[in-house]
């Protein structure tokens, strides 16, 4: 594949400055995330979860990925988060070709924050300790780790609960801990897979509002996978997936 720093796509030229007949200058930035002809197969090719996905997502965007169960949306999120490898195609995150990265765990630790439907907190650790987990192998001092964790715990409104363990928290509070943990390592991308799926509507709305607030406050690129149109329409941009293909890509304003 031609790995130049710009590419032509429907008349646009990314990462190029040019002048038109009216002497106006335009500058197109490189995407933060780019997928080129990405396919993912399982069971020796009998199941195709992704079928030739081409996609660009830019820094600071809030994007929802929507589709029915089995459409490939969670597989797509796993590809972006370097939790799985494509069968074919290439994925670039912040200029890095994931297929050529030797240590994807280090990449994930530095670039990605995850929020899942099931929060995946460690039950025998306190809120404070759970939030600090992504910082354990960063070389950060214990003092600085606690300071950073305290900042994020306060940001999600759980200062009074930081010594409690997850089984003492409500579902919404546990999801807030997961959001704090996802942001603690200052990632450039937050990936949320059905983050309100196990919550009642009132608590789910609160969690979505918190994610959007964190997106604005920390200028992270936020990508939410959902099957709910109301959730999808909160995003600036919605990508619709069906049968492993992008069938629609639109801005919601």
C-alpha atoms as a PDB file:
ATOM      1  CA  UNK A   1       0.000   0.000   0.000  1.00  0.00           C
ATOM      2  CA  UNK A   2       1.173   3.531  -0.747  1.00  0.00           C
ATOM      3  CA  UNK A   3       1.957   4.963   2.679  1.00  0.00           C
ATOM      4  CA  UNK A   4       2.155   8.625   1.757  1.00  0.00           C
ATOM      5  CA  UNK A   5       1.106  11.293   4.252  1.00  0.00           C
ATOM      6  CA  UNK A   6      -1.867  12.288   2.142  1.00  0.00           C
ATOM      7  CA  UNK A   7      -4.498  10.622   0.077  1.00  0.00           C
ATOM      8  CA  UNK A   8      -7.198  11.547  -2.402  1.00  0.00           C
ATOM      9  CA  UNK A   9     -10.794  10.771  -1.426  1.00  0.00           C
ATOM     10  CA  UNK A  10     -13.842  12.138  -3.217  1.00  0.00           C
ATOM     11  CA  UNK A  11     -12.118  15.357  -4.192  1.00  0.00           C
ATOM     12  CA  UNK A  12     -10.565  16.065  -0.815  1.00  0.00           C
ATOM     13  CA  UNK A  13      -6.830  16.034  -0.209  1.00  0.00           C
ATOM     14  CA  UNK A  14      -5.848  15.355   3.382  1.00  0.00           C
ATOM     15  CA  UNK A  15      -2.811  17.054   4.879  1.00  0.00           C
ATOM     16  CA  UNK A  16      -2.406  19.395   1.904  1.00  0.00           C
ATOM     17  CA  UNK A  17      -2.681  23.182   1.662  1.00  0.00           C
ATOM     18  CA  UNK A  18      -3.778  24.660  -1.638  1.00  0.00           C
ATOM     19  CA  UNK A  19      -5.361  27.795  -3.093  1.00  0.00           C
ATOM     20  CA  UNK A  20      -8.498  27.861  -5.203  1.00  0.00           C
ATOM     21  CA  UNK A  21      -9.453  30.435  -7.828  1.00  0.00           C
ATOM     22  CA  UNK A  22     -10.617  32.806  -5.109  1.00  0.00           C
ATOM     23  CA  UNK A  23      -7.194  32.755  -3.417  1.00  0.00           C
ATOM     24  CA  UNK A  24      -8.615  31.013  -0.338  1.00  0.00           C
ATOM     25  CA  UNK A  25      -6.242  28.662   1.476  1.00  0.00           C
ATOM     26  CA  UNK A  26      -7.421  25.335   2.861  1.00  0.00           C
ATOM     27  CA  UNK A  27      -5.608  22.870   5.099  1.00  0.00           C
ATOM     28  CA  UNK A  28      -6.703  19.269   5.569  1.00  0.00           C
ATOM     29  CA  UNK A  29      -5.334  17.416   8.564  1.00  0.00           C
ATOM     30  CA  UNK A  30      -4.324  13.770   8.674  1.00  0.00           C
ATOM     31  CA  UNK A  31      -6.910  11.485  10.281  1.00  0.00           C
ATOM     32  CA  UNK A  32      -6.118  10.257  13.785  1.00  0.00           C
ATOM     33  CA  UNK A  33      -7.550   6.838  12.850  1.00  0.00           C
ATOM     34  CA  UNK A  34      -7.503   5.293   9.366  1.00  0.00           C
ATOM     35  CA  UNK A  35      -8.688   1.866   8.250  1.00  0.00           C
ATOM     36  CA  UNK A  36      -7.870   0.631   4.756  1.00  0.00           C
ATOM     37  CA  UNK A  37      -9.819  -2.350   3.322  1.00  0.00           C
ATOM     38  CA  UNK A  38     -10.033  -3.982   6.753  1.00  0.00           C
ATOM     39  CA  UNK A  39     -11.465  -7.495   6.871  1.00  0.00           C
ATOM     40  CA  UNK A  40     -11.889  -9.813   9.820  1.00  0.00           C
ATOM     41  CA  UNK A  41     -12.743 -13.488   9.447  1.00  0.00           C
ATOM     42  CA  UNK A  42     -13.403 -16.240  11.983  1.00  0.00           C
ATOM     43  CA  UNK A  43     -13.766 -20.025  11.732  1.00  0.00           C
ATOM     44  CA  UNK A  44     -11.341 -20.364   8.813  1.00  0.00           C
ATOM     45  CA  UNK A  45     -13.116 -17.709   6.801  1.00  0.00           C
ATOM     46  CA  UNK A  46     -16.652 -19.040   7.200  1.00  0.00           C
ATOM     47  CA  UNK A  47     -17.650 -15.993   9.271  1.00  0.00           C
ATOM     48  CA  UNK A  48     -16.740 -12.525   7.970  1.00  0.00           C
ATOM     49  CA  UNK A  49     -17.227  -9.972  10.767  1.00  0.00           C
ATOM     50  CA  UNK A  50     -15.731  -7.080   8.769  1.00  0.00           C
ATOM     51  CA  UNK A  51     -15.839  -6.950   4.995  1.00  0.00           C
ATOM     52  CA  UNK A  52     -13.637  -4.246   3.491  1.00  0.00           C
ATOM     53  CA  UNK A  53     -13.997  -1.317   5.897  1.00  0.00           C
ATOM     54  CA  UNK A  54     -12.448   2.012   4.877  1.00  0.00           C
ATOM     55  CA  UNK A  55     -12.758   4.726   7.491  1.00  0.00           C
ATOM     56  CA  UNK A  56     -11.138   7.948   8.721  1.00  0.00           C
ATOM     57  CA  UNK A  57     -11.764   9.494  12.152  1.00  0.00           C
ATOM     58  CA  UNK A  58     -10.187  12.804  13.104  1.00  0.00           C
ATOM     59  CA  UNK A  59      -8.733  14.054  16.373  1.00  0.00           C
ATOM     60  CA  UNK A  60     -11.326  15.388  18.789  1.00  0.00           C
ATOM     61  CA  UNK A  61     -14.351  13.893  17.023  1.00  0.00           C
ATOM     62  CA  UNK A  62     -17.285  12.332  18.887  1.00  0.00           C
ATOM     63  CA  UNK A  63     -18.384   9.396  16.749  1.00  0.00           C
ATOM     64  CA  UNK A  64     -21.072   6.781  17.274  1.00  0.00           C
ATOM     65  CA  UNK A  65     -20.979   3.396  15.544  1.00  0.00           C
ATOM     66  CA  UNK A  66     -24.418   1.841  15.224  1.00  0.00           C
ATOM     67  CA  UNK A  67     -25.766  -1.390  13.832  1.00  0.00           C
ATOM     68  CA  UNK A  68     -27.795  -4.470  14.744  1.00  0.00           C
ATOM     69  CA  UNK A  69     -26.405  -7.357  16.742  1.00  0.00           C
ATOM     70  CA  UNK A  70     -23.785  -9.220  14.700  1.00  0.00           C
ATOM     71  CA  UNK A  71     -23.220  -6.328  12.302  1.00  0.00           C
ATOM     72  CA  UNK A  72     -19.515  -6.050  13.152  1.00  0.00           C
ATOM     73  CA  UNK A  73     -19.575  -2.850  15.193  1.00  0.00           C
ATOM     74  CA  UNK A  74     -17.867  -4.299  18.283  1.00  0.00           C
ATOM     75  CA  UNK A  75     -15.321  -6.075  16.073  1.00  0.00           C
ATOM     76  CA  UNK A  76     -14.578  -2.718  14.461  1.00  0.00           C
ATOM     77  CA  UNK A  77     -14.074  -1.149  17.889  1.00  0.00           C
ATOM     78  CA  UNK A  78     -11.712  -3.978  18.855  1.00  0.00           C
ATOM     79  CA  UNK A  79      -9.675  -3.334  15.696  1.00  0.00           C
ATOM     80  CA  UNK A  80      -9.356   0.387  16.501  1.00  0.00           C
ATOM     81  CA  UNK A  81      -8.412  -0.455  20.088  1.00  0.00           C
ATOM     82  CA  UNK A  82      -5.725  -2.955  19.021  1.00  0.00           C
ATOM     83  CA  UNK A  83      -7.513  -5.733  20.907  1.00  0.00           C
ATOM     84  CA  UNK A  84      -7.629  -7.874  17.760  1.00  0.00           C
ATOM     85  CA  UNK A  85      -5.821  -8.032  14.427  1.00  0.00           C
ATOM     86  CA  UNK A  86      -7.466  -7.816  11.003  1.00  0.00           C
ATOM     87  CA  UNK A  87      -7.355 -10.778   8.646  1.00  0.00           C
ATOM     88  CA  UNK A  88      -6.537  -8.340   5.846  1.00  0.00           C
ATOM     89  CA  UNK A  89      -6.080  -4.599   5.477  1.00  0.00           C
ATOM     90  CA  UNK A  90      -4.203  -1.988   7.476  1.00  0.00           C
ATOM     91  CA  UNK A  91      -4.998   0.202  10.483  1.00  0.00           C
ATOM     92  CA  UNK A  92      -3.180   3.408  11.346  1.00  0.00           C
ATOM     93  CA  UNK A  93      -3.605   5.192  14.678  1.00  0.00           C
ATOM     94  CA  UNK A  94      -1.857   8.548  15.045  1.00  0.00           C
ATOM     95  CA  UNK A  95       0.422   7.617  12.146  1.00  0.00           C
ATOM     96  CA  UNK A  96       1.331   4.218  13.600  1.00  0.00           C
ATOM     97  CA  UNK A  97       0.708   1.088  11.514  1.00  0.00           C
ATOM     98  CA  UNK A  98      -0.723  -1.324  14.092  1.00  0.00           C
ATOM     99  CA  UNK A  99       0.276  -4.348  12.024  1.00  0.00           C
ATOM    100  CA  UNK A 100       3.918  -3.338  12.401  1.00  0.00           C
ATOM    101  CA  UNK A 101       3.804  -2.580  16.139  1.00  0.00           C
ATOM    102  CA  UNK A 102       5.636  -5.185  18.222  1.00  0.00           C
ATOM    103  CA  UNK A 103       4.112  -4.247  21.582  1.00  0.00           C
ATOM    104  CA  UNK A 104       0.418  -3.428  21.223  1.00  0.00           C
ATOM    105  CA  UNK A 105      -0.088  -3.540  25.006  1.00  0.00           C
ATOM    106  CA  UNK A 106       2.220  -0.535  25.360  1.00  0.00           C
ATOM    107  CA  UNK A 107       0.408   1.192  22.505  1.00  0.00           C
ATOM    108  CA  UNK A 108      -2.981   0.619  24.165  1.00  0.00           C
ATOM    109  CA  UNK A 109      -1.669   1.888  27.475  1.00  0.00           C
ATOM    110  CA  UNK A 110      -0.448   5.122  25.926  1.00  0.00           C
ATOM    111  CA  UNK A 111      -3.188   5.859  23.385  1.00  0.00           C
ATOM    112  CA  UNK A 112      -6.470   4.155  24.294  1.00  0.00           C
ATOM    113  CA  UNK A 113      -8.971   4.251  27.149  1.00  0.00           C
ATOM    114  CA  UNK A 114     -11.705   1.579  27.232  1.00  0.00           C
ATOM    115  CA  UNK A 115     -15.209   1.722  28.712  1.00  0.00           C
ATOM    116  CA  UNK A 116     -17.208  -1.503  28.337  1.00  0.00           C
ATOM    117  CA  UNK A 117     -20.828  -2.421  29.033  1.00  0.00           C
ATOM    118  CA  UNK A 118     -19.549  -4.530  31.917  1.00  0.00           C
ATOM    119  CA  UNK A 119     -17.142  -2.210  33.683  1.00  0.00           C
ATOM    120  CA  UNK A 120     -14.506  -4.943  34.384  1.00  0.00           C
ATOM    121  CA  UNK A 121     -13.468  -3.479  37.725  1.00  0.00           C
ATOM    122  CA  UNK A 122     -11.371  -5.637  40.058  1.00  0.00           C
ATOM    123  CA  UNK A 123     -13.760  -6.439  42.935  1.00  0.00           C
ATOM    124  CA  UNK A 124     -11.223  -6.698  45.759  1.00  0.00           C
ATOM    125  CA  UNK A 125      -9.623  -3.316  44.955  1.00  0.00           C
ATOM    126  CA  UNK A 126     -10.894   0.091  46.022  1.00  0.00           C
ATOM    127  CA  UNK A 127     -12.091   2.734  43.586  1.00  0.00           C
ATOM    128  CA  UNK A 128      -8.752   4.504  43.990  1.00  0.00           C
ATOM    129  CA  UNK A 129      -6.759   1.361  43.238  1.00  0.00           C
ATOM    130  CA  UNK A 130      -8.951   0.430  40.256  1.00  0.00           C
ATOM    131  CA  UNK A 131      -8.482   3.858  38.697  1.00  0.00           C
ATOM    132  CA  UNK A 132      -4.698   3.692  39.122  1.00  0.00           C
ATOM    133  CA  UNK A 133      -4.320   0.348  37.285  1.00  0.00           C
ATOM    134  CA  UNK A 134      -3.444   1.847  33.845  1.00  0.00           C
ATOM    135  CA  UNK A 135      -0.639   3.852  35.464  1.00  0.00           C
ATOM    136  CA  UNK A 136       1.155   0.941  37.136  1.00  0.00           C
ATOM    137  CA  UNK A 137       3.732   0.341  34.388  1.00  0.00           C
ATOM    138  CA  UNK A 138       4.222   3.922  33.240  1.00  0.00           C
ATOM    139  CA  UNK A 139       7.116   4.759  35.540  1.00  0.00           C
ATOM    140  CA  UNK A 140       5.020   7.395  37.300  1.00  0.00           C
ATOM    141  CA  UNK A 141       5.757   7.838  41.004  1.00  0.00           C
ATOM    142  CA  UNK A 142       3.222   6.597  43.562  1.00  0.00           C
ATOM    143  CA  UNK A 143       2.554  10.187  44.617  1.00  0.00           C
ATOM    144  CA  UNK A 144       1.849  11.330  41.071  1.00  0.00           C
ATOM    145  CA  UNK A 145      -0.310   8.261  40.416  1.00  0.00           C
ATOM    146  CA  UNK A 146      -2.498   9.064  43.388  1.00  0.00           C
ATOM    147  CA  UNK A 147      -2.694  12.720  42.408  1.00  0.00           C
ATOM    148  CA  UNK A 148      -3.808  11.846  38.878  1.00  0.00           C
ATOM    149  CA  UNK A 149      -6.301   9.244  40.111  1.00  0.00           C
ATOM    150  CA  UNK A 150      -7.751  11.717  42.613  1.00  0.00           C
ATOM    151  CA  UNK A 151      -8.193  14.268  39.810  1.00  0.00           C
ATOM    152  CA  UNK A 152     -10.225  11.831  37.685  1.00  0.00           C
ATOM    153  CA  UNK A 153     -12.232  10.469  40.611  1.00  0.00           C
ATOM    154  CA  UNK A 154     -13.194  14.038  41.466  1.00  0.00           C
ATOM    155  CA  UNK A 155     -14.025  14.733  37.800  1.00  0.00           C
ATOM    156  CA  UNK A 156     -16.603  11.906  37.795  1.00  0.00           C
ATOM    157  CA  UNK A 157     -18.025  12.956  41.158  1.00  0.00           C
ATOM    158  CA  UNK A 158     -16.872  10.049  43.321  1.00  0.00           C
ATOM    159  CA  UNK A 159     -14.491  11.669  45.820  1.00  0.00           C
ATOM    160  CA  UNK A 160     -16.524  10.366  48.748  1.00  0.00           C
ATOM    161  CA  UNK A 161     -16.413   6.794  47.380  1.00  0.00           C
ATOM    162  CA  UNK A 162     -12.738   6.443  46.496  1.00  0.00           C
ATOM    163  CA  UNK A 163     -11.985   4.011  49.370  1.00  0.00           C
ATOM    164  CA  UNK A 164     -14.974   1.786  48.648  1.00  0.00           C
ATOM    165  CA  UNK A 165     -14.923  -1.429  46.658  1.00  0.00           C
ATOM    166  CA  UNK A 166     -17.052  -1.958  43.544  1.00  0.00           C
ATOM    167  CA  UNK A 167     -19.622  -4.196  45.271  1.00  0.00           C
ATOM    168  CA  UNK A 168     -20.588  -1.234  47.456  1.00  0.00           C
ATOM    169  CA  UNK A 169     -21.351   0.958  44.443  1.00  0.00           C
ATOM    170  CA  UNK A 170     -24.391   1.265  42.196  1.00  0.00           C
ATOM    171  CA  UNK A 171     -24.183   0.298  38.517  1.00  0.00           C
ATOM    172  CA  UNK A 172     -23.909   3.944  37.495  1.00  0.00           C
ATOM    173  CA  UNK A 173     -21.173   4.594  40.043  1.00  0.00           C
ATOM    174  CA  UNK A 174     -19.194   1.585  38.821  1.00  0.00           C
ATOM    175  CA  UNK A 175     -19.451   2.881  35.258  1.00  0.00           C
ATOM    176  CA  UNK A 176     -18.208   6.282  36.447  1.00  0.00           C
ATOM    177  CA  UNK A 177     -15.193   4.522  37.965  1.00  0.00           C
ATOM    178  CA  UNK A 178     -14.610   2.834  34.600  1.00  0.00           C
ATOM    179  CA  UNK A 179     -14.682   6.241  32.883  1.00  0.00           C
ATOM    180  CA  UNK A 180     -12.168   7.646  35.374  1.00  0.00           C
ATOM    181  CA  UNK A 181      -9.933   4.615  34.807  1.00  0.00           C
ATOM    182  CA  UNK A 182     -10.203   5.039  31.018  1.00  0.00           C
ATOM    183  CA  UNK A 183      -9.066   8.666  31.242  1.00  0.00           C
ATOM    184  CA  UNK A 184      -6.397   8.397  33.923  1.00  0.00           C
ATOM    185  CA  UNK A 185      -3.518   7.698  31.506  1.00  0.00           C
ATOM    186  CA  UNK A 186      -4.468  10.749  29.421  1.00  0.00           C
ATOM    187  CA  UNK A 187      -5.305   8.775  26.246  1.00  0.00           C
ATOM    188  CA  UNK A 188      -6.032  10.421  22.919  1.00  0.00           C
ATOM    189  CA  UNK A 189      -8.929   8.004  22.202  1.00  0.00           C
ATOM    190  CA  UNK A 190     -11.791   6.717  24.371  1.00  0.00           C
ATOM    191  CA  UNK A 191     -13.590   3.613  23.081  1.00  0.00           C
ATOM    192  CA  UNK A 192     -16.937   2.864  24.732  1.00  0.00           C
ATOM    193  CA  UNK A 193     -18.747  -0.368  23.835  1.00  0.00           C
ATOM    194  CA  UNK A 194     -22.442  -0.152  24.800  1.00  0.00           C
ATOM    195  CA  UNK A 195     -21.501   1.830  27.950  1.00  0.00           C
ATOM    196  CA  UNK A 196     -25.153   2.247  29.009  1.00  0.00           C
ATOM    197  CA  UNK A 197     -26.393  -1.204  27.974  1.00  0.00           C
ATOM    198  CA  UNK A 198     -26.669  -2.585  31.514  1.00  0.00           C
ATOM    199  CA  UNK A 199     -28.064   0.602  33.090  1.00  0.00           C
ATOM    200  CA  UNK A 200     -31.558   2.001  33.520  1.00  0.00           C
ATOM    201  CA  UNK A 201     -32.476   4.920  31.255  1.00  0.00           C
ATOM    202  CA  UNK A 202     -31.920   7.645  33.864  1.00  0.00           C
ATOM    203  CA  UNK A 203     -28.493   6.338  34.878  1.00  0.00           C
ATOM    204  CA  UNK A 204     -27.593   5.674  31.243  1.00  0.00           C
ATOM    205  CA  UNK A 205     -28.338   9.290  30.347  1.00  0.00           C
ATOM    206  CA  UNK A 206     -26.128  10.457  33.205  1.00  0.00           C
ATOM    207  CA  UNK A 207     -23.256   8.262  31.983  1.00  0.00           C
ATOM    208  CA  UNK A 208     -23.615   9.555  28.406  1.00  0.00           C
ATOM    209  CA  UNK A 209     -23.611  13.142  29.669  1.00  0.00           C
ATOM    210  CA  UNK A 210     -20.481  12.379  31.681  1.00  0.00           C
ATOM    211  CA  UNK A 211     -18.721  10.863  28.666  1.00  0.00           C
ATOM    212  CA  UNK A 212     -19.584  13.922  26.575  1.00  0.00           C
ATOM    213  CA  UNK A 213     -18.360  16.211  29.350  1.00  0.00           C
ATOM    214  CA  UNK A 214     -15.062  14.309  29.551  1.00  0.00           C
ATOM    215  CA  UNK A 215     -14.779  14.462  25.754  1.00  0.00           C
ATOM    216  CA  UNK A 216     -15.065  18.244  25.899  1.00  0.00           C
ATOM    217  CA  UNK A 217     -12.917  18.764  28.990  1.00  0.00           C
ATOM    218  CA  UNK A 218      -9.989  16.570  27.948  1.00  0.00           C
ATOM    219  CA  UNK A 219     -10.344  16.935  24.142  1.00  0.00           C
ATOM    220  CA  UNK A 220     -10.280  13.176  23.602  1.00  0.00           C
ATOM    221  CA  UNK A 221     -11.598  11.463  20.499  1.00  0.00           C
ATOM    222  CA  UNK A 222     -14.701   9.622  21.712  1.00  0.00           C
ATOM    223  CA  UNK A 223     -16.080   6.583  19.858  1.00  0.00           C
ATOM    224  CA  UNK A 224     -19.224   4.908  21.194  1.00  0.00           C
ATOM    225  CA  UNK A 225     -20.657   1.633  19.880  1.00  0.00           C
ATOM    226  CA  UNK A 226     -24.415   1.338  20.354  1.00  0.00           C
ATOM    227  CA  UNK A 227     -27.546  -0.243  18.915  1.00  0.00           C
ATOM    228  CA  UNK A 228     -29.687   2.677  20.187  1.00  0.00           C
ATOM    229  CA  UNK A 229     -30.505   5.440  17.684  1.00  0.00           C
ATOM    230  CA  UNK A 230     -31.099   7.974  20.474  1.00  0.00           C
ATOM    231  CA  UNK A 231     -27.591   7.362  21.815  1.00  0.00           C
ATOM    232  CA  UNK A 232     -26.069   7.403  18.323  1.00  0.00           C
ATOM    233  CA  UNK A 233     -27.676  10.756  17.483  1.00  0.00           C
ATOM    234  CA  UNK A 234     -25.988  12.444  20.448  1.00  0.00           C
ATOM    235  CA  UNK A 235     -22.677  12.114  18.600  1.00  0.00           C
ATOM    236  CA  UNK A 236     -21.356  14.648  16.128  1.00  0.00           C
ATOM    237  CA  UNK A 237     -21.059  11.888  13.557  1.00  0.00           C
ATOM    238  CA  UNK A 238     -22.739   8.498  13.129  1.00  0.00           C
ATOM    239  CA  UNK A 239     -21.303   5.518  11.235  1.00  0.00           C
ATOM    240  CA  UNK A 240     -23.797   2.756  10.439  1.00  0.00           C
ATOM    241  CA  UNK A 241     -22.522  -0.822  10.080  1.00  0.00           C
ATOM    242  CA  UNK A 242     -24.353  -3.747   8.488  1.00  0.00           C
ATOM    243  CA  UNK A 243     -22.960  -7.146   7.514  1.00  0.00           C
ATOM    244  CA  UNK A 244     -19.435  -5.972   8.247  1.00  0.00           C
ATOM    245  CA  UNK A 245     -19.631  -2.943   5.941  1.00  0.00           C
ATOM    246  CA  UNK A 246     -20.038   0.786   6.466  1.00  0.00           C
ATOM    247  CA  UNK A 247     -23.381   1.571   4.832  1.00  0.00           C
ATOM    248  CA  UNK A 248     -23.768   5.158   6.055  1.00  0.00           C
ATOM    249  CA  UNK A 249     -21.459   7.852   7.438  1.00  0.00           C
ATOM    250  CA  UNK A 250     -23.146  11.133   8.325  1.00  0.00           C
ATOM    251  CA  UNK A 251     -22.758  14.211  10.505  1.00  0.00           C
ATOM    252  CA  UNK A 252     -25.621  14.945  12.904  1.00  0.00           C
ATOM    253  CA  UNK A 253     -25.701  18.709  12.477  1.00  0.00           C
END
